[in-house]
PDB file of N, CA and C in Angstrom:
ATOM      1  N   UNK A   1       0.824  -1.184   0.026  1.00  0.00           N
ATOM      2  CA  UNK A   1       0.084  -0.049  -0.128  1.00  0.00           C
ATOM      3  C   UNK A   1       0.942   1.224  -0.054  1.00  0.00           C
ATOM      4  N   UNK A   2       0.751   2.131  -1.030  1.00  0.00           N
ATOM      5  CA  UNK A   2       1.410   3.349  -1.064  1.00  0.00           C
ATOM      6  C   UNK A   2       1.054   4.465  -0.011  1.00  0.00           C
ATOM      7  N   UNK A   3       1.863   5.305   0.460  1.00  0.00           N
ATOM      8  CA  UNK A   3       1.512   6.374   1.348  1.00  0.00           C
ATOM      9  C   UNK A   3       1.103   7.532   0.580  1.00  0.00           C
ATOM     10  N   UNK A   4       0.073   8.132   0.860  1.00  0.00           N
ATOM     11  CA  UNK A   4      -0.460   9.305   0.430  1.00  0.00           C
ATOM     12  C   UNK A   4       0.314  10.464   0.778  1.00  0.00           C
ATOM     13  N   UNK A   5       0.703  11.442  -0.269  1.00  0.00           N
ATOM     14  CA  UNK A   5       1.434  12.673  -0.039  1.00  0.00           C
ATOM     15  C   UNK A   5       0.548  13.899  -0.109  1.00  0.00           C
ATOM     16  N   UNK A   6      -0.559  13.844  -1.028  1.00  0.00           N
ATOM     17  CA  UNK A   6      -1.349  15.026  -1.170  1.00  0.00           C
ATOM     18  C   UNK A   6      -2.728  14.481  -1.418  1.00  0.00           C
ATOM     19  N   UNK A   7      -3.721  15.089  -0.767  1.00  0.00           N
ATOM     20  CA  UNK A   7      -5.238  14.826  -1.136  1.00  0.00           C
ATOM     21  C   UNK A   7      -5.899  16.076  -1.266  1.00  0.00           C
ATOM     22  N   UNK A   8      -6.547  16.326  -2.321  1.00  0.00           N
ATOM     23  CA  UNK A   8      -7.249  17.534  -2.754  1.00  0.00           C
ATOM     24  C   UNK A   8      -8.585  16.987  -3.048  1.00  0.00           C
ATOM     25  N   UNK A   9      -9.672  17.589  -2.303  1.00  0.00           N
ATOM     26  CA  UNK A   9     -11.001  17.222  -2.512  1.00  0.00           C
ATOM     27  C   UNK A   9     -11.914  18.410  -2.888  1.00  0.00           C
ATOM     28  N   UNK A  10     -12.507  18.269  -4.070  1.00  0.00           N
ATOM     29  CA  UNK A  10     -13.513  19.233  -4.504  1.00  0.00           C
ATOM     30  C   UNK A  10     -13.055  20.611  -4.465  1.00  0.00           C
ATOM     31  N   UNK A  11     -11.701  20.876  -5.010  1.00  0.00           N
ATOM     32  CA  UNK A  11     -11.195  22.183  -5.204  1.00  0.00           C
ATOM     33  C   UNK A  11     -11.699  22.950  -6.455  1.00  0.00           C
ATOM     34  N   UNK A  12     -11.906  24.190  -6.263  1.00  0.00           N
ATOM     35  CA  UNK A  12     -12.389  25.054  -7.280  1.00  0.00           C
ATOM     36  C   UNK A  12     -11.741  26.348  -7.497  1.00  0.00           C
ATOM     37  N   UNK A  13     -11.418  26.802  -8.632  1.00  0.00           N
ATOM     38  CA  UNK A  13     -10.815  28.163  -8.737  1.00  0.00           C
ATOM     39  C   UNK A  13     -11.570  28.974  -9.936  1.00  0.00           C
ATOM     40  N   UNK A  14     -11.815  30.133  -9.631  1.00  0.00           N
ATOM     41  CA  UNK A  14     -12.357  30.862 -10.698  1.00  0.00           C
ATOM     42  C   UNK A  14     -11.854  32.275 -10.706  1.00  0.00           C
ATOM     43  N   UNK A  15     -11.953  33.003 -11.875  1.00  0.00           N
ATOM     44  CA  UNK A  15     -11.631  34.337 -12.062  1.00  0.00           C
ATOM     45  C   UNK A  15     -12.774  34.978 -12.822  1.00  0.00           C
ATOM     46  N   UNK A  16     -13.108  36.142 -12.230  1.00  0.00           N
ATOM     47  CA  UNK A  16     -14.276  36.873 -12.756  1.00  0.00           C
ATOM     48  C   UNK A  16     -15.573  35.971 -13.112  1.00  0.00           C
ATOM     49  N   UNK A  17     -15.843  35.101 -12.143  1.00  0.00           N
ATOM     50  CA  UNK A  17     -16.982  34.245 -12.378  1.00  0.00           C
ATOM     51  C   UNK A  17     -16.791  33.067 -13.404  1.00  0.00           C
ATOM     52  N   UNK A  18     -15.583  32.993 -14.089  1.00  0.00           N
ATOM     53  CA  UNK A  18     -15.376  31.813 -15.025  1.00  0.00           C
ATOM     54  C   UNK A  18     -14.429  30.830 -14.270  1.00  0.00           C
ATOM     55  N   UNK A  19     -14.915  29.683 -14.154  1.00  0.00           N
ATOM     56  CA  UNK A  19     -14.164  28.602 -13.533  1.00  0.00           C
ATOM     57  C   UNK A  19     -13.142  27.970 -14.341  1.00  0.00           C
ATOM     58  N   UNK A  20     -11.859  27.950 -13.767  1.00  0.00           N
ATOM     59  CA  UNK A  20     -10.767  27.209 -14.458  1.00  0.00           C
ATOM     60  C   UNK A  20     -10.836  25.701 -14.199  1.00  0.00           C
ATOM     61  N   UNK A  21     -11.332  25.346 -12.866  1.00  0.00           N
ATOM     62  CA  UNK A  21     -11.545  24.037 -12.508  1.00  0.00           C
ATOM     63  C   UNK A  21     -12.618  24.096 -11.386  1.00  0.00           C
ATOM     64  N   UNK A  22     -13.496  23.094 -11.340  1.00  0.00           N
ATOM     65  CA  UNK A  22     -14.593  23.018 -10.366  1.00  0.00           C
ATOM     66  C   UNK A  22     -14.734  21.581  -9.755  1.00  0.00           C
ATOM     67  N   UNK A  23     -14.663  21.501  -8.507  1.00  0.00           N
ATOM     68  CA  UNK A  23     -14.999  20.255  -7.764  1.00  0.00           C
ATOM     69  C   UNK A  23     -13.857  19.196  -8.183  1.00  0.00           C
ATOM     70  N   UNK A  24     -12.638  19.628  -8.383  1.00  0.00           N
ATOM     71  CA  UNK A  24     -11.582  18.647  -8.800  1.00  0.00           C
ATOM     72  C   UNK A  24     -11.023  17.917  -7.510  1.00  0.00           C
ATOM     73  N   UNK A  25     -10.909  16.562  -7.631  1.00  0.00           N
ATOM     74  CA  UNK A  25     -10.350  15.842  -6.424  1.00  0.00           C
ATOM     75  C   UNK A  25      -9.015  15.043  -6.986  1.00  0.00           C
ATOM     76  N   UNK A  26      -7.983  15.159  -6.297  1.00  0.00           N
ATOM     77  CA  UNK A  26      -6.733  14.382  -6.638  1.00  0.00           C
ATOM     78  C   UNK A  26      -6.143  13.680  -5.481  1.00  0.00           C
ATOM     79  N   UNK A  27      -5.769  12.635  -5.490  1.00  0.00           N
ATOM     80  CA  UNK A  27      -4.961  11.753  -4.558  1.00  0.00           C
ATOM     81  C   UNK A  27      -3.579  11.480  -5.200  1.00  0.00           C
ATOM     82  N   UNK A  28      -2.415  11.935  -4.539  1.00  0.00           N
ATOM     83  CA  UNK A  28      -1.168  11.623  -4.962  1.00  0.00           C
ATOM     84  C   UNK A  28      -0.427  10.797  -3.959  1.00  0.00           C
ATOM     85  N   UNK A  29       0.272   9.789  -4.339  1.00  0.00           N
ATOM     86  CA  UNK A  29       0.948   9.024  -3.279  1.00  0.00           C
ATOM     87  C   UNK A  29       2.438   9.218  -3.691  1.00  0.00           C
ATOM     88  N   UNK A  30       3.366   8.710  -2.835  1.00  0.00           N
ATOM     89  CA  UNK A  30       4.797   8.771  -2.987  1.00  0.00           C
ATOM     90  C   UNK A  30       5.195   7.988  -4.334  1.00  0.00           C
ATOM     91  N   UNK A  31       5.902   8.570  -5.240  1.00  0.00           N
ATOM     92  CA  UNK A  31       6.370   7.987  -6.431  1.00  0.00           C
ATOM     93  C   UNK A  31       5.445   8.383  -7.613  1.00  0.00           C
ATOM     94  N   UNK A  32       4.365   9.027  -7.323  1.00  0.00           N
ATOM     95  CA  UNK A  32       3.409   9.360  -8.428  1.00  0.00           C
ATOM     96  C   UNK A  32       3.836  10.334  -9.259  1.00  0.00           C
ATOM     97  N   UNK A  33       3.618  10.467 -10.587  1.00  0.00           N
ATOM     98  CA  UNK A  33       3.826  11.408 -11.458  1.00  0.00           C
ATOM     99  C   UNK A  33       2.450  11.855 -12.114  1.00  0.00           C
ATOM    100  N   UNK A  34       2.307  13.123 -12.378  1.00  0.00           N
ATOM    101  CA  UNK A  34       1.006  13.595 -12.817  1.00  0.00           C
ATOM    102  C   UNK A  34       1.264  14.493 -14.151  1.00  0.00           C
ATOM    103  N   UNK A  35       0.694  14.284 -15.248  1.00  0.00           N
ATOM    104  CA  UNK A  35       0.740  15.139 -16.328  1.00  0.00           C
ATOM    105  C   UNK A  35      -0.418  16.040 -16.383  1.00  0.00           C
ATOM    106  N   UNK A  36      -0.267  17.285 -16.671  1.00  0.00           N
ATOM    107  CA  UNK A  36      -1.295  18.186 -16.851  1.00  0.00           C
ATOM    108  C   UNK A  36      -1.196  18.869 -18.213  1.00  0.00           C
ATOM    109  N   UNK A  37      -2.085  18.552 -19.100  1.00  0.00           N
ATOM    110  CA  UNK A  37      -2.027  18.933 -20.443  1.00  0.00           C
ATOM    111  C   UNK A  37      -3.197  19.775 -20.904  1.00  0.00           C
ATOM    112  N   UNK A  38      -2.826  20.845 -21.744  1.00  0.00           N
ATOM    113  CA  UNK A  38      -4.003  21.633 -22.276  1.00  0.00           C
ATOM    114  C   UNK A  38      -3.453  22.914 -22.954  1.00  0.00           C
ATOM    115  N   UNK A  39      -4.444  23.634 -23.598  1.00  0.00           N
ATOM    116  CA  UNK A  39      -4.140  24.712 -24.273  1.00  0.00           C
ATOM    117  C   UNK A  39      -3.701  25.931 -23.339  1.00  0.00           C
ATOM    118  N   UNK A  40      -3.113  26.912 -23.985  1.00  0.00           N
ATOM    119  CA  UNK A  40      -2.796  28.188 -23.274  1.00  0.00           C
ATOM    120  C   UNK A  40      -3.981  28.730 -22.500  1.00  0.00           C
ATOM    121  N   UNK A  41      -3.799  29.157 -21.186  1.00  0.00           N
ATOM    122  CA  UNK A  41      -4.856  29.845 -20.614  1.00  0.00           C
ATOM    123  C   UNK A  41      -6.019  29.090 -19.903  1.00  0.00           C
ATOM    124  N   UNK A  42      -5.793  27.758 -19.938  1.00  0.00           N
ATOM    125  CA  UNK A  42      -7.007  26.895 -19.386  1.00  0.00           C
ATOM    126  C   UNK A  42      -6.774  26.636 -17.938  1.00  0.00           C
ATOM    127  N   UNK A  43      -5.693  27.068 -17.261  1.00  0.00           N
ATOM    128  CA  UNK A  43      -5.608  26.822 -15.784  1.00  0.00           C
ATOM    129  C   UNK A  43      -4.585  25.851 -15.418  1.00  0.00           C
ATOM    130  N   UNK A  44      -3.580  25.321 -16.080  1.00  0.00           N
ATOM    131  CA  UNK A  44      -2.623  24.397 -15.690  1.00  0.00           C
ATOM    132  C   UNK A  44      -1.658  24.847 -14.594  1.00  0.00           C
ATOM    133  N   UNK A  45      -1.103  26.100 -14.912  1.00  0.00           N
ATOM    134  CA  UNK A  45      -0.320  26.609 -13.883  1.00  0.00           C
ATOM    135  C   UNK A  45      -0.992  26.982 -12.588  1.00  0.00           C
ATOM    136  N   UNK A  46      -2.190  27.534 -12.738  1.00  0.00           N
ATOM    137  CA  UNK A  46      -2.986  27.763 -11.565  1.00  0.00           C
ATOM    138  C   UNK A  46      -3.377  26.534 -10.792  1.00  0.00           C
ATOM    139  N   UNK A  47      -3.741  25.504 -11.441  1.00  0.00           N
ATOM    140  CA  UNK A  47      -3.923  24.197 -10.669  1.00  0.00           C
ATOM    141  C   UNK A  47      -2.695  23.861  -9.825  1.00  0.00           C
ATOM    142  N   UNK A  48      -1.471  23.875 -10.460  1.00  0.00           N
ATOM    143  CA  UNK A  48      -0.274  23.505  -9.691  1.00  0.00           C
ATOM    144  C   UNK A  48      -0.123  24.411  -8.602  1.00  0.00           C
ATOM    145  N   UNK A  49      -0.251  25.669  -8.873  1.00  0.00           N
ATOM    146  CA  UNK A  49       0.019  26.742  -7.672  1.00  0.00           C
ATOM    147  C   UNK A  49      -1.028  26.503  -6.516  1.00  0.00           C
ATOM    148  N   UNK A  50      -2.291  26.087  -6.910  1.00  0.00           N
ATOM    149  CA  UNK A  50      -3.282  25.810  -5.923  1.00  0.00           C
ATOM    150  C   UNK A  50      -2.709  24.402  -5.136  1.00  0.00           C
ATOM    151  N   UNK A  51      -2.370  23.590  -5.910  1.00  0.00           N
ATOM    152  CA  UNK A  51      -2.170  22.242  -5.124  1.00  0.00           C
ATOM    153  C   UNK A  51      -0.723  22.403  -4.350  1.00  0.00           C
ATOM    154  N   UNK A  52       0.122  23.256  -4.765  1.00  0.00           N
ATOM    155  CA  UNK A  52       1.348  23.658  -3.867  1.00  0.00           C
ATOM    156  C   UNK A  52       1.100  24.633  -2.721  1.00  0.00           C
ATOM    157  N   UNK A  53      -0.076  25.093  -2.674  1.00  0.00           N
ATOM    158  CA  UNK A  53      -0.552  26.092  -1.656  1.00  0.00           C
ATOM    159  C   UNK A  53       0.143  27.528  -1.961  1.00  0.00           C
ATOM    160  N   UNK A  54       0.437  27.796  -3.249  1.00  0.00           N
ATOM    161  CA  UNK A  54       1.034  29.097  -3.544  1.00  0.00           C
ATOM    162  C   UNK A  54      -0.103  30.212  -3.787  1.00  0.00           C
ATOM    163  N   UNK A  55      -1.435  29.698  -4.152  1.00  0.00           N
ATOM    164  CA  UNK A  55      -2.534  30.443  -4.196  1.00  0.00           C
ATOM    165  C   UNK A  55      -3.587  29.658  -3.611  1.00  0.00           C
ATOM    166  N   UNK A  56      -4.591  30.422  -3.089  1.00  0.00           N
ATOM    167  CA  UNK A  56      -5.719  29.771  -2.459  1.00  0.00           C
ATOM    168  C   UNK A  56      -6.851  29.390  -3.381  1.00  0.00           C
ATOM    169  N   UNK A  57      -7.470  28.166  -3.044  1.00  0.00           N
ATOM    170  CA  UNK A  57      -8.503  27.805  -4.015  1.00  0.00           C
ATOM    171  C   UNK A  57      -9.780  28.555  -3.399  1.00  0.00           C
ATOM    172  N   UNK A  58     -10.829  28.580  -4.407  1.00  0.00           N
ATOM    173  CA  UNK A  58     -12.086  29.293  -3.866  1.00  0.00           C
ATOM    174  C   UNK A  58     -12.843  28.334  -2.977  1.00  0.00           C
ATOM    175  N   UNK A  59     -12.711  26.999  -3.104  1.00  0.00           N
ATOM    176  CA  UNK A  59     -13.482  26.023  -2.188  1.00  0.00           C
ATOM    177  C   UNK A  59     -12.682  24.732  -2.225  1.00  0.00           C
ATOM    178  N   UNK A  60     -13.126  23.847  -1.435  1.00  0.00           N
ATOM    179  CA  UNK A  60     -12.447  22.591  -1.231  1.00  0.00           C
ATOM    180  C   UNK A  60     -11.461  22.584  -0.288  1.00  0.00           C
ATOM    181  N   UNK A  61     -10.739  21.421  -0.088  1.00  0.00           N
ATOM    182  CA  UNK A  61      -9.636  21.361   1.001  1.00  0.00           C
ATOM    183  C   UNK A  61      -8.668  20.495   0.485  1.00  0.00           C
ATOM    184  N   UNK A  62      -7.462  20.787   1.014  1.00  0.00           N
ATOM    185  CA  UNK A  62      -6.181  20.072   0.566  1.00  0.00           C
ATOM    186  C   UNK A  62      -5.575  19.611   1.950  1.00  0.00           C
ATOM    187  N   UNK A  63      -4.984  18.396   1.857  1.00  0.00           N
ATOM    188  CA  UNK A  63      -4.206  17.773   3.019  1.00  0.00           C
ATOM    189  C   UNK A  63      -2.892  17.507   2.557  1.00  0.00           C
ATOM    190  N   UNK A  64      -1.821  18.041   3.113  1.00  0.00           N
ATOM    191  CA  UNK A  64      -0.431  17.711   2.807  1.00  0.00           C
ATOM    192  C   UNK A  64      -0.062  16.706   3.848  1.00  0.00           C
ATOM    193  N   UNK A  65       0.386  15.510   3.572  1.00  0.00           N
ATOM    194  CA  UNK A  65       0.684  14.538   4.487  1.00  0.00           C
ATOM    195  C   UNK A  65       2.208  14.326   4.597  1.00  0.00           C
ATOM    196  N   UNK A  66       2.748  13.600   5.503  1.00  0.00           N
ATOM    197  CA  UNK A  66       4.065  13.441   5.779  1.00  0.00           C
ATOM    198  C   UNK A  66       4.969  14.871   6.001  1.00  0.00           C
ATOM    199  N   UNK A  67       4.292  15.385   7.010  1.00  0.00           N
ATOM    200  CA  UNK A  67       4.847  16.829   7.502  1.00  0.00           C
ATOM    201  C   UNK A  67       5.142  17.792   6.390  1.00  0.00           C
ATOM    202  N   UNK A  68       3.994  17.923   5.636  1.00  0.00           N
ATOM    203  CA  UNK A  68       4.131  18.900   4.471  1.00  0.00           C
ATOM    204  C   UNK A  68       5.263  18.704   3.547  1.00  0.00           C
ATOM    205  N   UNK A  69       5.925  17.573   3.541  1.00  0.00           N
ATOM    206  CA  UNK A  69       6.982  17.403   2.508  1.00  0.00           C
ATOM    207  C   UNK A  69       6.726  17.422   1.078  1.00  0.00           C
ATOM    208  N   UNK A  70       5.448  17.388   0.772  1.00  0.00           N
ATOM    209  CA  UNK A  70       4.962  17.382  -0.541  1.00  0.00           C
ATOM    210  C   UNK A  70       5.402  18.668  -1.249  1.00  0.00           C
ATOM    211  N   UNK A  71       5.357  19.851  -0.436  1.00  0.00           N
ATOM    212  CA  UNK A  71       5.667  21.146  -1.140  1.00  0.00           C
ATOM    213  C   UNK A  71       7.248  21.149  -1.407  1.00  0.00           C
ATOM    214  N   UNK A  72       7.979  20.768  -0.520  1.00  0.00           N
ATOM    215  CA  UNK A  72       9.414  20.776  -0.641  1.00  0.00           C
ATOM    216  C   UNK A  72       9.992  19.722  -1.563  1.00  0.00           C
ATOM    217  N   UNK A  73       9.265  18.822  -1.898  1.00  0.00           N
ATOM    218  CA  UNK A  73       9.771  17.653  -2.772  1.00  0.00           C
ATOM    219  C   UNK A  73       9.168  17.665  -4.111  1.00  0.00           C
ATOM    220  N   UNK A  74       8.273  18.674  -4.313  1.00  0.00           N
ATOM    221  CA  UNK A  74       7.558  18.780  -5.638  1.00  0.00           C
ATOM    222  C   UNK A  74       8.207  19.815  -6.687  1.00  0.00           C
ATOM    223  N   UNK A  75       8.180  19.417  -7.861  1.00  0.00           N
ATOM    224  CA  UNK A  75       8.676  20.417  -8.854  1.00  0.00           C
ATOM    225  C   UNK A  75       7.857  20.361 -10.083  1.00  0.00           C
ATOM    226  N   UNK A  76       8.023  21.496 -10.882  1.00  0.00           N
ATOM    227  CA  UNK A  76       7.211  21.538 -12.127  1.00  0.00           C
ATOM    228  C   UNK A  76       8.008  22.442 -13.125  1.00  0.00           C
ATOM    229  N   UNK A  77       7.575  22.168 -14.345  1.00  0.00           N
ATOM    230  CA  UNK A  77       8.312  22.937 -15.449  1.00  0.00           C
ATOM    231  C   UNK A  77       7.349  23.529 -16.253  1.00  0.00           C
TER     232      UNK A  77
END
Protein backbone atom coordinates (compact mmCIF):
# COMPACT_ATOMS: atom_id res chain seq x y z
CA UNK A 1 0.00 0.00 0.00
CA UNK A 2 1.40 3.38 -1.05
CA UNK A 3 1.50 6.31 1.35
CA UNK A 4 -0.46 9.38 0.32
CA UNK A 5 1.36 12.69 -0.02
CA UNK A 6 -1.44 14.98 -1.18
CA UNK A 7 -5.17 14.77 -1.03
CA UNK A 8 -7.27 17.48 -2.66
CA UNK A 9 -11.05 17.21 -2.48
CA UNK A 10 -13.53 19.27 -4.48
CA UNK A 11 -11.19 22.20 -5.11
CA UNK A 12 -12.39 24.99 -7.37
CA UNK A 13 -10.82 28.14 -8.74
CA UNK A 14 -12.46 30.88 -10.76
CA UNK A 15 -11.60 34.33 -12.06
CA UNK A 16 -14.30 36.89 -12.77
CA UNK A 17 -16.99 34.21 -12.46
CA UNK A 18 -15.35 31.85 -14.96
CA UNK A 19 -14.23 28.51 -13.51
CA UNK A 20 -10.78 27.22 -14.44
CA UNK A 21 -11.62 24.02 -12.58
CA UNK A 22 -14.55 23.04 -10.38
CA UNK A 23 -14.92 20.28 -7.77
CA UNK A 24 -11.60 18.67 -8.75
CA UNK A 25 -10.31 15.86 -6.52
CA UNK A 26 -6.79 14.39 -6.66
CA UNK A 27 -4.93 11.84 -4.53
CA UNK A 28 -1.19 11.58 -5.04
CA UNK A 29 1.03 9.02 -3.36
CA UNK A 30 4.77 8.70 -3.00
CA UNK A 31 6.36 8.07 -6.40
CA UNK A 32 3.37 9.28 -8.44
CA UNK A 33 3.80 11.46 -11.51
CA UNK A 34 1.04 13.62 -12.91
CA UNK A 35 0.81 15.17 -16.37
CA UNK A 36 -1.38 18.23 -16.83
CA UNK A 37 -1.98 18.96 -20.49
CA UNK A 38 -4.04 21.62 -22.24
CA UNK A 39 -4.13 24.77 -24.29
CA UNK A 40 -2.75 28.13 -23.17
CA UNK A 41 -4.83 29.87 -20.54
CA UNK A 42 -6.92 26.91 -19.35
CA UNK A 43 -5.51 26.87 -15.80
CA UNK A 44 -2.64 24.36 -15.75
CA UNK A 45 -0.22 26.61 -13.86
CA UNK A 46 -3.00 27.84 -11.59
CA UNK A 47 -3.89 24.25 -10.68
CA UNK A 48 -0.27 23.49 -9.80
CA UNK A 49 -0.01 26.66 -7.71
CA UNK A 50 -3.22 25.77 -5.86
CA UNK A 51 -1.97 22.23 -5.20
CA UNK A 52 1.33 23.60 -3.89
CA UNK A 53 -0.46 26.13 -1.70
CA UNK A 54 0.97 29.15 -3.52
CA UNK A 55 -2.51 30.51 -4.21
CA UNK A 56 -5.75 29.76 -2.41
CA UNK A 57 -8.56 27.78 -3.98
CA UNK A 58 -12.10 29.21 -3.90
CA UNK A 59 -13.45 26.05 -2.26
CA UNK A 60 -12.52 22.53 -1.25
CA UNK A 61 -9.70 21.35 0.94
CA UNK A 62 -6.20 20.04 0.63
CA UNK A 63 -4.25 17.86 3.01
CA UNK A 64 -0.49 17.62 2.77
CA UNK A 65 0.70 14.49 4.51
CA UNK A 66 4.14 13.42 5.74
CA UNK A 67 4.89 16.74 7.49
CA UNK A 68 4.11 18.88 4.47
CA UNK A 69 7.05 17.37 2.57
CA UNK A 70 4.95 17.46 -0.60
CA UNK A 71 5.70 21.14 -1.11
CA UNK A 72 9.44 20.81 -0.63
CA UNK A 73 9.77 17.67 -2.75
CA UNK A 74 7.57 18.79 -5.66
CA UNK A 75 8.74 20.34 -8.87
CA UNK A 76 7.21 21.53 -12.10
CA UNK A 77 8.32 22.93 -15.44
